[in-house]
Protein backbone atom coordinates (compact mmCIF):
# COMPACT_ATOMS: atom_id res chain seq x y z
CA MET A 1 185.59 38.76 -6.88
CA ASP A 2 189.40 38.62 -7.16
CA TRP A 3 191.36 36.89 -9.74
CA THR A 4 189.57 38.28 -12.66
CA GLY A 5 192.19 40.22 -13.78
CA LYS A 6 190.87 43.34 -13.06
CA SER A 7 194.72 45.04 -12.48
CA THR A 8 195.88 43.28 -15.99
CA LEU A 9 193.18 44.86 -17.80
CA LEU A 10 193.92 48.49 -16.25
CA ASN A 11 197.47 48.37 -16.87
CA HIS A 12 196.86 47.22 -20.43
CA LEU A 13 194.20 49.85 -21.16
CA PHE A 14 195.56 52.78 -19.82
CA GLY A 15 199.33 52.24 -19.33
CA THR A 16 199.46 51.40 -15.65
CA ASN A 17 201.30 49.86 -13.44
CA PHE A 18 198.98 48.23 -10.88
CA ARG A 19 200.24 44.62 -9.40
CA GLU A 20 198.98 41.86 -11.07
CA MET A 21 198.52 38.13 -10.16
CA ASP A 22 201.71 35.73 -10.37
CA ALA A 23 200.15 32.26 -11.95
CA PHE A 24 203.18 30.80 -10.84
CA LYS A 25 202.23 31.28 -7.38
CA GLY A 26 199.12 30.39 -7.41
CA ARG A 27 195.33 32.41 -7.30
CA SER A 28 195.39 34.64 -4.54
CA GLN A 29 194.04 37.59 -3.70
CA THR A 30 196.65 40.91 -5.29
CA THR A 31 194.51 44.14 -5.13
CA LYS A 32 194.13 45.34 -1.54
CA GLY A 33 192.17 48.51 -0.62
CA ILE A 34 191.95 50.79 -3.15
CA TRP A 35 194.95 52.00 -5.34
CA MET A 36 195.15 55.34 -7.92
CA ALA A 37 197.20 55.58 -10.74
CA ARG A 38 197.87 58.20 -13.48
CA CYS A 39 197.12 57.31 -16.91
CA ALA A 40 199.99 57.48 -19.36
CA GLY A 41 199.46 59.00 -22.73
CA ILE A 42 195.81 60.31 -21.76
CA GLU A 43 195.05 64.43 -21.63
CA PRO A 44 193.52 66.44 -19.33
CA CYS A 45 194.90 64.23 -16.78
CA THR A 46 193.12 61.05 -15.91
CA LEU A 47 193.27 59.14 -12.94
CA VAL A 48 192.49 55.30 -12.85
CA MET A 49 191.26 53.54 -9.48
CA ASP A 50 192.13 49.90 -9.22
CA LEU A 51 189.28 48.30 -6.15
CA GLU A 52 189.95 44.91 -4.17
CA GLY A 53 187.38 42.71 -5.30
CA THR A 54 183.97 40.80 -3.66
CA ASP A 55 186.07 38.72 -1.36
CA GLY A 56 187.92 41.59 0.05
CA ARG A 57 186.90 41.16 3.37
CA GLU A 58 188.58 37.88 3.69
CA ARG A 59 191.49 39.29 2.04
CA GLY A 60 191.42 35.91 -0.06
CA GLU A 61 193.44 34.57 3.19
CA THR A 62 191.04 31.71 4.39
CA PRO A 63 190.57 28.52 4.08
CA LEU A 64 188.26 27.61 0.79
CA GLU A 65 185.48 25.70 3.13
CA ASN A 66 184.88 29.15 4.97
CA LEU A 67 184.90 31.34 1.71
CA GLU A 68 182.20 28.72 -0.10
CA PRO A 69 179.08 30.03 1.81
CA VAL A 70 180.07 33.68 1.83
CA LEU A 71 180.38 33.49 -2.18
CA ARG A 72 177.32 31.54 -2.39
CA GLU A 73 175.78 34.31 -0.76
CA ASP A 74 176.96 36.91 -2.99
CA ILE A 75 175.91 35.32 -5.74
CA GLN A 76 172.59 34.94 -4.99
CA LYS A 77 172.71 39.27 -4.54
CA VAL A 78 173.94 39.86 -8.15
CA GLU A 79 173.43 39.23 -11.68
CA VAL A 80 175.96 37.48 -13.12
CA VAL A 81 177.20 39.01 -16.73
CA ALA A 82 179.57 36.44 -18.58
CA LEU A 83 182.35 38.66 -20.00
CA SER A 84 185.22 37.09 -22.58
CA SER A 85 188.19 36.59 -20.72
CA TYR A 86 190.61 39.72 -21.54
CA GLU A 87 193.32 37.54 -22.09
CA GLU A 88 191.59 35.57 -25.06
CA LYS A 89 190.09 38.77 -26.74
CA GLU A 90 193.13 41.37 -25.53
CA GLU A 91 193.12 42.65 -29.41
CA GLN A 92 189.43 43.10 -29.31
CA PHE A 93 189.37 45.20 -26.27
CA LYS A 94 191.52 47.57 -26.94
CA GLU A 95 190.06 48.51 -30.48
CA GLN A 96 186.76 49.06 -28.92
CA VAL A 97 188.55 51.24 -26.54
CA MET A 98 190.49 53.15 -29.20
CA VAL A 99 187.51 53.54 -31.18
CA ALA A 100 185.55 54.98 -28.33
CA THR A 101 188.18 57.26 -27.43
CA VAL A 102 188.27 58.95 -31.31
CA ARG A 103 184.86 58.56 -31.84
CA CYS A 104 183.84 60.37 -28.73
CA GLU A 105 186.26 62.96 -28.79
CA GLU A 106 185.13 63.75 -32.75
CA ILE A 107 181.62 64.15 -31.42
CA ALA A 108 182.41 66.15 -28.54
CA LYS A 109 184.65 68.55 -31.14
CA GLU A 110 181.59 68.98 -32.67
CA LYS A 111 179.41 69.86 -30.41
CA TYR A 112 181.72 72.54 -28.94
CA SER A 113 182.27 74.06 -31.96
CA SER A 114 178.68 73.87 -32.84
CA PHE A 115 177.86 75.42 -29.23
CA ALA A 116 180.62 78.63 -29.76
CA ALA A 117 178.79 79.08 -33.04
CA ASN A 118 175.07 78.72 -31.84
CA GLU A 119 173.66 82.36 -32.67
CA GLU A 120 171.87 82.46 -29.41
CA TRP A 121 175.05 82.03 -27.50
CA CYS A 122 176.98 84.11 -29.43
CA HIS A 123 174.01 87.21 -28.96
CA MET A 124 173.87 86.52 -25.10
CA GLU A 125 177.67 86.62 -25.03
CA GLU A 126 177.83 90.19 -26.75
CA ALA A 127 175.04 91.64 -25.21
CA VAL A 128 176.30 90.49 -21.66
CA GLN A 129 179.49 92.49 -22.14
CA SER A 130 177.68 95.93 -21.62
CA GLU A 131 174.27 95.20 -19.90
CA ILE A 132 172.66 92.60 -17.55
CA VAL A 133 170.80 89.75 -19.80
CA SER A 134 167.45 89.05 -18.05
CA GLY A 135 167.26 85.01 -17.76
CA PHE A 136 170.65 84.78 -18.53
CA GLY A 137 171.19 81.47 -16.38
CA LYS A 138 168.38 79.23 -17.58
CA LYS A 139 168.73 80.03 -21.27
CA LEU A 140 172.62 79.34 -20.97
CA SER A 141 171.90 76.32 -19.05
CA GLY A 142 169.72 75.35 -22.08
CA ILE A 143 172.14 75.59 -24.56
CA LEU A 144 174.33 73.42 -22.92
CA ASN A 145 171.98 70.41 -21.96
CA PHE A 146 170.97 70.91 -25.19
CA SER A 147 175.00 70.09 -27.05
CA LEU A 148 175.08 67.65 -23.69
CA SER A 149 172.37 65.63 -24.93
CA GLU A 150 172.91 65.46 -28.67
CA TYR A 151 176.72 64.38 -27.53
CA ASP A 152 174.83 61.75 -25.25
CA ALA A 153 172.90 60.49 -28.38
CA GLU A 154 175.31 60.72 -30.65
CA ALA A 155 177.90 58.43 -28.39
CA ILE A 156 175.48 56.01 -26.56
CA TYR A 157 176.89 53.19 -28.13
CA PHE A 158 180.44 53.44 -27.52
CA ASP A 159 182.24 52.11 -24.31
CA GLY A 160 180.56 53.56 -21.10
CA GLY A 161 184.01 54.75 -19.51
CA VAL A 162 184.84 56.55 -22.37
CA ARG A 163 182.08 57.82 -23.14
CA SER A 164 181.46 59.46 -19.64
CA ALA A 165 185.27 60.60 -19.54
CA LYS A 166 184.98 62.44 -22.85
CA ARG A 167 181.50 63.99 -21.66
CA LYS A 168 183.28 65.23 -18.75
CA GLN A 169 185.79 66.63 -20.56
CA LEU A 170 183.21 68.29 -23.25
CA GLU A 171 181.43 69.84 -20.21
CA GLU A 172 184.64 71.38 -18.67
CA LYS A 173 185.76 73.09 -21.94
CA LEU A 174 182.12 74.51 -22.82
CA LEU A 175 181.84 76.00 -18.93
CA GLN A 176 185.26 77.15 -19.61
CA LEU A 177 184.07 78.94 -22.98
CA VAL A 178 180.91 80.33 -21.08
CA GLN A 179 182.91 81.52 -17.32
CA PRO A 180 183.89 85.05 -18.69
CA ALA A 181 180.22 85.28 -19.93
CA HIS A 182 179.07 84.76 -16.25
CA GLN A 183 181.68 86.50 -14.59
CA SER A 184 180.99 89.85 -16.60
CA MET A 185 177.10 89.48 -15.56
CA LEU A 186 177.68 89.05 -11.98
CA GLY A 187 179.70 92.36 -12.54
CA HIS A 188 176.86 93.96 -14.23
CA ILE A 189 174.45 92.76 -11.55
CA ARG A 190 177.12 94.17 -8.51
CA SER A 191 177.91 97.13 -10.48
CA ARG A 192 174.02 98.35 -10.91
CA THR A 193 173.46 97.00 -7.54
CA LEU A 194 176.02 99.34 -6.00
CA GLU A 195 174.37 102.49 -8.00
CA ASN A 196 170.94 101.63 -6.86
CA PHE A 197 172.10 101.46 -3.28
CA LYS A 198 173.92 104.89 -3.52
CA GLU A 199 170.72 106.60 -5.01
CA ALA A 200 168.34 104.93 -2.43
CA PHE A 201 170.71 105.58 0.40
CA GLU A 202 171.36 109.15 -1.08
CA LYS A 203 167.54 109.41 -1.16
CA ALA A 204 166.65 108.13 1.88
CA LEU A 205 169.18 110.58 4.02
CA ASN A 206 167.58 113.58 2.07
CA ALA A 207 164.06 112.49 3.01
CA GLY A 208 165.53 112.80 6.71
CA GLU A 209 166.30 109.50 7.62
CA GLY A 210 168.43 108.45 9.98
CA PHE A 211 172.35 107.74 9.10
CA SER A 212 172.47 104.30 10.48
CA LEU A 213 169.05 103.13 9.75
CA ALA A 214 168.94 104.35 6.48
CA ALA A 215 171.92 102.36 6.20
CA VAL A 216 171.11 99.12 7.37
CA THR A 217 168.00 98.97 5.40
CA CYS A 218 169.12 100.00 2.04
CA THR A 219 172.04 97.77 2.53
CA GLN A 220 170.04 94.61 3.23
CA ASN A 221 167.34 95.64 0.56
CA HIS A 222 170.07 95.64 -2.29
CA MET A 223 171.90 92.88 -0.88
CA ASP A 224 168.52 90.92 -1.28
CA LYS A 225 168.45 92.47 -4.54
CA PHE A 226 171.52 91.29 -5.68
CA ASP A 227 170.89 87.64 -4.39
CA LYS A 228 167.54 87.55 -6.75
CA GLY A 229 169.91 88.78 -9.81
CA HIS A 230 172.78 86.24 -8.97
CA ALA A 231 169.85 83.16 -8.64
CA ASP A 232 169.17 84.27 -12.28
CA ALA A 233 172.50 83.83 -13.61
CA VAL A 234 173.56 80.62 -12.05
CA ILE A 235 174.31 78.06 -14.38
CA GLU A 236 172.61 74.81 -13.39
CA GLN A 237 175.99 72.37 -14.93
CA ALA A 238 178.56 74.98 -13.29
CA ASN A 239 179.30 74.97 -9.26
CA TRP A 240 181.36 77.61 -9.11
CA ASP A 241 182.12 79.73 -6.06
CA THR A 242 180.64 83.17 -6.87
CA SER A 243 181.05 83.47 -2.82
CA LYS A 244 183.74 86.51 -3.43
CA VAL A 245 181.58 88.94 -5.73
CA ARG A 246 178.98 88.84 -3.11
CA ASP A 247 181.94 90.24 -0.66
CA LYS A 248 183.27 92.21 -3.21
CA LEU A 249 179.85 93.95 -3.28
CA ARG A 250 179.08 93.99 0.67
CA ARG A 251 182.65 95.65 0.91
CA ASP A 252 181.80 98.71 -1.64
CA ILE A 253 178.78 98.87 0.32
CA ASP A 254 180.28 99.60 3.22
CA ALA A 255 182.84 101.94 1.83
CA HIS A 256 180.38 103.79 0.38
CA ILE A 257 178.56 104.14 3.76
CA THR A 258 181.94 105.11 5.64
CA SER A 259 182.87 107.66 2.99
CA VAL A 260 179.42 108.81 2.75
CA ARG A 261 179.36 109.23 7.02
CA GLU A 262 182.74 110.99 6.87
CA ALA A 263 181.35 113.22 4.39
CA LYS A 264 178.38 114.33 6.49
CA LEU A 265 180.18 114.13 9.75
CA SER A 266 182.25 116.91 7.96
CA GLU A 267 179.75 118.90 6.38
CA LEU A 268 177.55 119.08 9.47
CA ASN A 269 181.08 120.30 11.63
CA SER A 270 181.72 122.43 9.37
CA SER A 271 178.19 123.87 8.94
CA PHE A 272 178.73 124.56 12.67
CA GLU A 273 182.23 125.60 12.47
CA ALA A 274 180.83 128.47 10.09
CA LYS A 275 177.93 129.22 12.39
CA LEU A 276 180.34 129.46 15.28
CA ASN A 277 182.79 131.76 13.18
CA GLU A 278 179.64 134.20 12.24
CA ALA A 279 178.51 134.10 15.85
CA LEU A 280 181.93 135.08 17.46
CA SER A 281 184.34 136.76 15.08
CA GLY A 282 181.97 140.10 14.36
CA PRO A 283 181.10 140.72 18.08
CA VAL A 284 184.46 139.51 19.19
CA GLU A 285 185.98 142.47 17.27
CA ALA A 286 183.63 144.84 18.24
CA LEU A 287 184.16 144.31 21.80
CA LEU A 288 187.92 144.78 21.60
CA ASP A 289 187.42 147.62 19.53
CA GLY A 290 185.67 149.07 22.12
CA ALA A 291 187.88 147.48 25.01
CA ASN A 292 187.31 148.17 28.47
CA SER A 293 187.03 146.33 32.12
CA GLU A 294 184.15 144.27 31.14
CA THR A 295 186.02 143.24 27.72
CA TRP A 296 186.86 139.84 28.48
CA PRO A 297 184.09 138.91 31.01
CA THR A 298 181.60 139.45 28.26
CA ILE A 299 183.21 137.49 25.41
CA LYS A 300 183.50 134.79 28.20
CA LYS A 301 180.01 134.79 28.61
CA LEU A 302 179.49 134.84 24.39
CA LEU A 303 181.66 131.81 23.84
CA GLN A 304 179.90 129.91 26.22
CA ARG A 305 176.38 130.76 24.96
CA GLU A 306 177.45 130.13 21.46
CA THR A 307 179.23 127.02 22.33
CA GLU A 308 176.18 125.51 24.13
CA SER A 309 174.23 126.27 21.33
CA ALA A 310 176.18 124.74 18.97
CA VAL A 311 176.74 121.38 20.84
CA ALA A 312 173.20 120.95 21.21
CA GLY A 313 172.89 121.15 17.99
CA VAL A 314 175.40 118.71 16.88
CA SER A 315 174.40 116.64 19.47
CA ASN A 316 170.73 116.27 18.32
CA ALA A 317 172.25 115.83 14.84
CA LEU A 318 174.50 113.32 15.76
CA SER A 319 171.76 110.88 17.35
CA GLY A 320 170.96 109.50 13.90
CA PHE A 321 174.26 108.66 13.03
CA ASP A 322 174.06 105.69 16.32
CA MET A 323 177.54 106.36 17.35
CA ASP A 324 179.58 105.60 20.47
CA GLU A 325 179.98 107.74 22.99
CA GLN A 326 183.67 108.10 22.99
CA SER A 327 183.53 109.38 19.04
CA MET A 328 180.66 112.04 19.79
CA GLU A 329 182.48 113.23 22.91
CA LYS A 330 185.65 113.54 20.57
CA ILE A 331 183.60 116.02 17.84
CA LEU A 332 181.97 117.74 20.56
CA THR A 333 185.35 118.42 22.15
CA GLY A 334 186.56 119.33 18.57
CA LEU A 335 183.97 122.03 18.14
CA GLU A 336 184.43 123.85 21.66
CA ASN A 337 188.14 124.02 20.28
CA TYR A 338 187.41 125.40 17.23
CA ALA A 339 185.21 127.80 19.10
CA LYS A 340 187.97 128.84 21.76
CA GLY A 341 190.41 128.97 18.56
CA VAL A 342 187.98 131.62 16.60
CA VAL A 343 188.40 133.86 19.33
CA GLU A 344 191.80 133.53 20.13
CA ALA A 345 192.18 134.12 16.47
CA LYS A 346 190.33 137.17 16.50
CA ALA A 347 192.29 138.54 19.69
CA ARG A 348 195.97 137.97 18.29
CA GLU A 349 194.20 140.06 14.77
CA GLN A 350 193.05 142.37 16.43
CA ALA A 351 196.12 143.18 18.84
CA GLY A 352 198.51 143.19 15.79
CA ARG A 353 196.25 146.30 15.11
CA VAL A 354 196.54 147.58 18.41
CA LEU A 355 198.50 150.71 17.59
CA ILE A 356 196.35 151.81 14.77
CA LEU A 357 193.06 151.04 17.41
CA MET A 358 195.00 152.94 20.39
CA LYS A 359 195.28 155.90 17.70
CA ASP A 360 191.98 156.08 16.70
CA ARG A 361 190.80 155.90 20.39
CA PHE A 362 192.91 158.58 21.02
CA SER A 363 192.22 160.95 17.96
CA ILE A 364 188.46 160.36 18.89
CA LEU A 365 188.60 161.21 22.56
CA PHE A 366 190.77 164.40 22.03
CA SER A 367 189.09 165.96 19.29
CA HIS A 368 185.66 165.66 19.78
CA ASP A 369 183.48 166.52 22.69
CA SER A 370 181.31 164.30 25.25
CA ASP A 371 178.32 165.11 22.67
CA SER A 372 180.66 163.64 20.09
CA MET A 373 180.92 166.98 18.52
CA PRO A 374 184.22 168.22 16.56
CA ARG A 375 185.87 170.47 19.26
CA VAL A 376 187.18 174.03 18.20
CA TRP A 377 189.57 175.18 20.11
CA THR A 378 188.78 179.17 21.54
CA GLY A 379 191.40 178.78 24.13
CA LYS A 380 189.02 177.67 26.79
CA GLU A 381 189.73 174.29 26.81
CA ASP A 382 192.06 172.52 29.02
CA ILE A 383 194.37 170.35 26.45
CA ARG A 384 196.67 168.56 29.18
CA ALA A 385 193.70 167.19 30.98
CA ILE A 386 192.28 166.37 27.48
CA THR A 387 195.17 164.77 26.06
CA LYS A 388 195.63 162.37 29.43
CA THR A 389 192.23 161.51 29.18
CA ALA A 390 192.49 160.13 25.52
CA ARG A 391 195.65 158.51 26.67
CA SER A 392 194.52 156.61 29.88
CA SER A 393 191.94 155.44 27.70
CA SER A 394 194.23 154.26 24.94
CA LEU A 395 196.60 152.63 27.48
CA LYS A 396 193.41 150.82 28.72
CA LEU A 397 192.90 149.70 25.19
CA LEU A 398 195.98 148.26 25.60
CA SER A 399 196.37 146.38 28.54
CA VAL A 400 192.95 144.75 27.67
CA MET A 401 194.53 143.81 24.34
CA ALA A 402 197.67 142.08 26.07
CA ALA A 403 196.51 138.82 27.18
CA ILE A 404 193.65 136.39 26.70
CA ARG A 405 191.53 136.43 29.55
CA MET A 406 188.99 133.59 29.36
CA GLY A 407 189.17 132.18 32.82
CA ASP A 408 188.38 133.95 36.32
CA ASP A 409 192.37 134.75 37.24
CA VAL A 410 193.15 138.39 38.35
CA ASP A 411 196.27 139.94 36.72
CA ASN A 412 198.07 143.13 37.25
CA ILE A 413 198.88 144.27 33.47
CA GLU A 414 196.75 147.27 33.94
CA THR A 415 197.90 148.50 37.17
CA THR A 416 202.13 147.94 36.08
CA LEU A 417 200.90 149.69 32.39
CA SER A 418 199.61 152.50 34.21
CA SER A 419 202.12 152.75 36.59
CA SER A 420 205.12 152.57 34.25
CA LEU A 421 203.85 154.53 31.20
CA MET A 422 201.27 157.36 32.55
CA ASP A 423 202.99 158.51 36.12
CA MET A 424 206.08 159.55 34.54
CA LYS A 425 207.01 162.19 37.12
CA ASN A 426 206.86 159.54 39.72
CA ASN A 427 208.98 157.17 38.26
CA ALA A 428 211.59 159.95 37.56
CA ALA A 429 211.84 160.80 41.06
CA VAL A 430 211.98 156.61 41.79
CA LYS A 431 215.15 156.88 39.22
CA ASP A 432 216.52 159.85 40.69
CA ARG A 433 216.44 158.07 44.51
CA SER A 434 217.83 155.02 43.41
CA ILE A 435 219.27 153.74 40.24
CA THR A 436 218.94 149.98 41.29
CA ILE A 437 215.41 149.88 40.09
CA ILE A 438 213.96 146.89 38.08
CA ASP A 439 211.99 148.18 34.67
CA PRO A 440 208.53 146.06 35.36
CA LEU A 441 208.21 146.52 31.45
CA ALA A 442 211.69 145.03 30.49
CA SER A 443 210.33 141.55 30.56
CA SER A 444 208.94 139.05 27.38
CA SER A 445 206.20 137.90 29.65
CA TRP A 446 204.01 138.90 32.33
CA GLU A 447 203.55 137.60 35.86
CA GLU A 448 200.85 134.69 36.45
CA ILE A 449 200.18 134.97 32.49
CA PRO A 450 200.94 131.68 30.48
CA SER A 451 202.83 132.44 27.09
CA SER A 452 199.76 130.61 25.03
CA ARG A 453 197.46 133.49 26.45
CA THR A 454 200.16 136.20 25.78
CA LEU A 455 199.28 138.69 22.79
CA ILE A 456 201.37 141.79 23.69
CA THR A 457 204.54 140.99 25.66
CA PRO A 458 205.67 143.47 28.27
CA VAL A 459 208.31 145.08 26.43
CA GLN A 460 206.46 145.39 23.10
CA CYS A 461 204.03 147.61 25.13
CA LYS A 462 206.62 150.19 26.20
CA SER A 463 207.64 149.97 23.01
CA LEU A 464 204.03 150.58 21.27
CA TRP A 465 203.33 153.43 23.78
CA ARG A 466 206.17 155.09 22.98
CA GLN A 467 205.56 155.09 19.21
CA PHE A 468 201.85 155.91 20.24
CA ASN A 469 203.38 158.79 21.91
CA SER A 470 205.64 160.15 18.97
CA GLU A 471 202.51 159.53 16.19
CA THR A 472 199.99 161.94 18.87
CA GLU A 473 202.20 164.43 19.67
CA TYR A 474 201.65 166.11 16.47
CA THR A 475 197.69 166.38 17.30
CA VAL A 476 198.35 167.81 20.59
CA THR A 477 200.77 170.82 19.16
CA GLN A 478 198.34 171.40 16.13
CA ALA A 479 195.77 171.93 19.20
CA ILE A 480 197.97 174.14 20.94
CA SER A 481 199.11 176.14 17.76
CA ALA A 482 195.38 176.95 17.34
CA GLN A 483 194.09 177.99 20.82
CA GLU A 484 196.72 180.67 20.39
CA ALA A 485 196.19 181.68 17.03
CA HIS A 486 192.26 181.75 18.31
CA LYS A 487 193.52 184.21 21.12
CA ARG A 488 195.33 186.28 18.65
CA SER A 489 192.75 186.62 16.52
CA ASN A 490 190.03 187.73 19.08
CA ASN A 491 192.48 190.36 21.02
CA TRP A 492 192.78 193.40 18.71
CA LEU A 493 192.88 195.87 21.59
CA PRO A 494 196.39 197.59 22.58
CA PRO A 495 197.54 196.61 26.05
CA PRO A 496 196.36 198.95 29.04
CA TRP A 497 199.26 200.85 29.41
CA ALA A 498 199.30 202.32 25.61
CA ILE A 499 195.68 203.41 25.93
CA VAL A 500 196.45 205.54 29.14
CA ALA A 501 199.43 206.76 27.04
CA LEU A 502 197.02 207.68 24.51
CA ALA A 503 195.10 209.46 27.01
CA VAL A 504 197.62 211.69 28.37
CA LEU A 505 199.28 212.45 25.44
CA GLY A 506 196.40 213.13 23.12
CA PHE A 507 194.52 215.15 25.98
CA ASN A 508 195.47 218.60 23.44
CA GLU A 509 194.41 216.96 20.11
CA PHE A 510 190.99 215.90 22.00
CA MET A 511 190.52 219.00 22.98
CA THR A 512 190.73 220.51 19.89
CA LEU A 513 188.02 217.82 18.02
CA LEU A 514 185.43 219.45 20.89
CA ARG A 515 186.45 222.94 19.79
CA ASN A 516 185.56 222.23 16.17
CA PRO A 517 182.70 219.77 15.22
CA LEU A 518 183.83 219.23 11.51
CA TYR A 519 186.71 217.45 12.89
CA LEU A 520 184.20 215.56 14.53
CA GLY A 521 181.85 214.79 11.40
CA LEU A 522 185.33 214.05 9.20
CA ILE A 523 186.54 211.49 11.96
CA PHE A 524 183.20 210.03 12.14
CA ALA A 525 182.59 209.65 8.30
CA GLY A 526 186.50 208.13 8.01
CA PHE A 527 185.28 205.74 10.97
CA LEU A 528 182.10 204.38 8.89
CA LEU A 529 184.63 203.79 6.03
CA PHE A 530 187.08 201.82 7.71
CA LYS A 531 184.31 199.82 9.05
CA ALA A 532 183.18 199.11 5.48
CA LEU A 533 186.54 198.38 4.87
CA TRP A 534 186.78 195.88 7.69
CA VAL A 535 183.62 194.17 7.43
CA GLN A 536 184.18 193.84 3.51
CA LEU A 537 187.64 192.53 3.78
CA ASP A 538 187.04 189.95 6.85
CA ILE A 539 190.39 191.29 8.14
CA SER A 540 189.78 189.17 11.77
CA GLY A 541 189.56 186.26 9.24
CA GLU A 542 192.52 187.37 7.17
CA PHE A 543 194.95 187.55 10.74
CA ARG A 544 193.40 184.31 12.09
CA ASN A 545 196.15 182.50 9.99
CA GLY A 546 198.84 184.71 10.66
CA ALA A 547 200.30 188.28 10.19
CA LEU A 548 201.97 187.42 7.57
CA PRO A 549 199.57 185.64 5.20
CA GLY A 550 196.48 187.97 6.02
CA LEU A 551 198.60 191.05 5.05
CA LEU A 552 199.78 189.19 1.84
CA SER A 553 195.84 188.17 1.50
CA LEU A 554 194.85 191.87 2.14
CA SER A 555 196.93 193.50 -0.37
CA THR A 556 195.32 191.57 -2.66
CA LYS A 557 191.90 192.42 -2.27
CA PHE A 558 192.40 196.01 -0.90
CA VAL A 559 191.70 197.79 -3.98
CA PRO A 560 189.28 196.18 -5.86
CA THR A 561 187.36 196.25 -2.54
CA ILE A 562 187.84 200.64 -2.36
CA MET A 563 186.91 200.55 -6.50
CA ASN A 564 183.49 198.52 -5.21
CA LEU A 565 183.05 201.28 -2.66
CA LEU A 566 183.37 204.12 -4.73
CA ARG A 567 181.14 202.57 -7.73
CA ARG A 568 178.33 202.18 -5.39
CA LEU A 569 178.83 205.65 -4.23
CA ALA A 570 178.31 206.62 -7.68
CA GLU A 571 175.32 204.66 -8.63
CA GLU A 572 173.60 205.63 -5.15
CA GLY A 573 174.41 209.77 -6.21
CA GLN A 574 172.88 208.99 -9.72
CA LYS A 575 169.10 208.21 -8.45
CA PRO A 576 166.57 210.33 -9.68
CA ILE A 577 164.78 212.57 -6.85
CA THR A 578 161.44 211.37 -5.39
CA THR A 579 158.84 214.34 -6.45
CA THR A 580 157.11 215.67 -3.40
CA ASP A 581 153.34 216.74 -3.06
CA PRO A 582 152.77 220.38 -4.07
CA ARG A 583 149.72 220.76 -2.17
CA ARG A 584 152.36 220.69 0.93
CA ASN A 585 154.56 223.47 2.10
CA PRO A 586 158.08 222.76 1.54
CA ALA A 587 160.24 222.58 4.07
CA PRO A 588 162.06 225.72 5.09
CA VAL A 589 165.81 225.98 4.17
CA SER A 590 167.57 226.94 7.16
CA ARG A 591 170.46 229.48 6.60
CA ASN A 592 172.51 229.03 9.61
CA PHE A 593 175.84 226.93 9.52
CA GLN A 594 174.48 224.67 12.25
CA ASN A 595 171.55 223.21 10.09
CA GLY A 596 173.50 223.11 6.98
CA SER A 597 176.23 221.03 9.55
CA SER A 598 173.88 219.09 10.37
CA SER A 599 172.39 218.09 7.12
CA THR A 600 175.81 217.46 5.85
CA SER A 601 176.37 214.65 8.69
CA ASP A 602 173.11 213.68 8.16
CA SER A 603 173.69 213.17 4.53
CA SER A 604 176.95 211.82 4.84
CA SER A 605 175.86 209.40 7.80
CA SER A 606 173.51 208.24 5.53
CA SER A 607 175.97 207.73 2.55
CA SER A 608 178.22 206.02 4.67
CA SER A 609 175.62 203.45 5.69
CA SER A 610 174.60 202.92 2.35
CA SER A 611 178.14 202.19 1.81
CA VAL A 612 178.70 199.46 4.43
CA THR A 613 176.15 197.20 3.23
CA SER A 614 176.38 198.11 -0.48
CA PRO A 615 179.60 196.45 -1.32
CA LYS A 616 178.89 193.42 0.28
CA GLU A 617 176.11 192.86 -1.76
CA GLY A 618 177.98 193.62 -4.70
CA ASN A 619 180.48 190.93 -3.91
CA GLU A 620 177.72 188.47 -3.20
């Protein structure tokens, strides 16, 4: 009803300034609609609403005869309670409100302190700092209900408005007290759920489950577990928004999935890159070491075969990641580029060693025959032809190493190098005829070969060839010297003219020897002695390294060898004579000169023959 003094009562109780009815202007509706004001001097902030009366629909502006039926109808619907007039008992009203405010505040403080000292709550508050407390929400809700019900029981006889306001304040303070513990509880639930997710996800992947399927399944399962744990931690009296904790958990799970995904893809990519490196590096190096016309076509086939195998393996492994075509194509393209990079890197590495490889190939071909046996320079070998063959093969290696040839393009690198470096006579003749000729190797690039595929430029090839020739020239010179030394060591006969001169000038001496056989015997004995010394001193071997070294070596060995021969002859002369059988007739002793000469010759021959081998045996 209007005109009952509601606005006036509110202004006196709460210090508000709602509009009041002016008695001098007559009774009429003062409050229209809903008005709100802040209470003065009451903390925390309290708002009071002033509503219009039951005749608000007519706004107090209709004639009394029209309002009378409405009032009668409304009166029949409500129970009227007689209240003392505020104007009559203002002091009594103020005192009751004041007492209710003070007493309800005291009860609320007492219940707050009692809750804070509650043993069960203190134990839960301490435990929740480090672990999940089972039944946290239910237990805490029960303790809160007990404290609030005690407040209700003790404040039931005080003013309802004050009692409710103070109860609300008590409930808010209690919830503020327990909110940190509730947040810790949710934090533990989130952390444990995340750790359990990580373990379950890793176990699923190790068991061979597809990445995407494992991610979806584990995420759904553990989000459900979080929801159950969250429900167990819910406090009935609180209406807090905990969606941020759930969103944080989902972001952490998604971040972990992304991290594992990237790690797995990186590990997968690294694994296949390692396989490609192992499958390509060694074979490519071997093919380049033995460079020939089929080297690059063979490398191209090897690269294609190993790349296709790796791409097929990666595609199969990526099927479990549920990737889009663009992402998968990016990974496969990167793998193909890596394989090409391995070949190019190995080619550039070998190109940096090309001079060593050229010298090794030259040494093998020059110093070994077709059966891979070391050459012995006897004088029959054509050193010029062998040198040309070895250098041509080394030049072939240089031409193969000059550029990367992974396509089907044909180049003229080998022809250019051969005509410029091997055909020196033709080049010299051309230079004699014309002084305006252009050197094809005086350039930093090859025709139709881009710089990205160039390993050795033309000018670098020319420099390398010049260095190669200078470093292999010594080997050729040594071979020529060995041939000449071998020829000298095997040629001890004098020239033919010297033999004819000796025959002519020594004819008289030769006839003298024929007339006196004793001289022949002495010459024969001297020949045997000379032969023994020749064999014992190894004169041919000593002179193989030159005349002066041979003479020096023989001078140190001559006297010991003579002494050794004499010692052996003395030992042979001291041996006892074997007794003959007395039943046999002794051989007749010849008295003539010729028989004696024969015996002497035989004896000398036997002694000399013995002396040929005995010194050698003694040295052994």
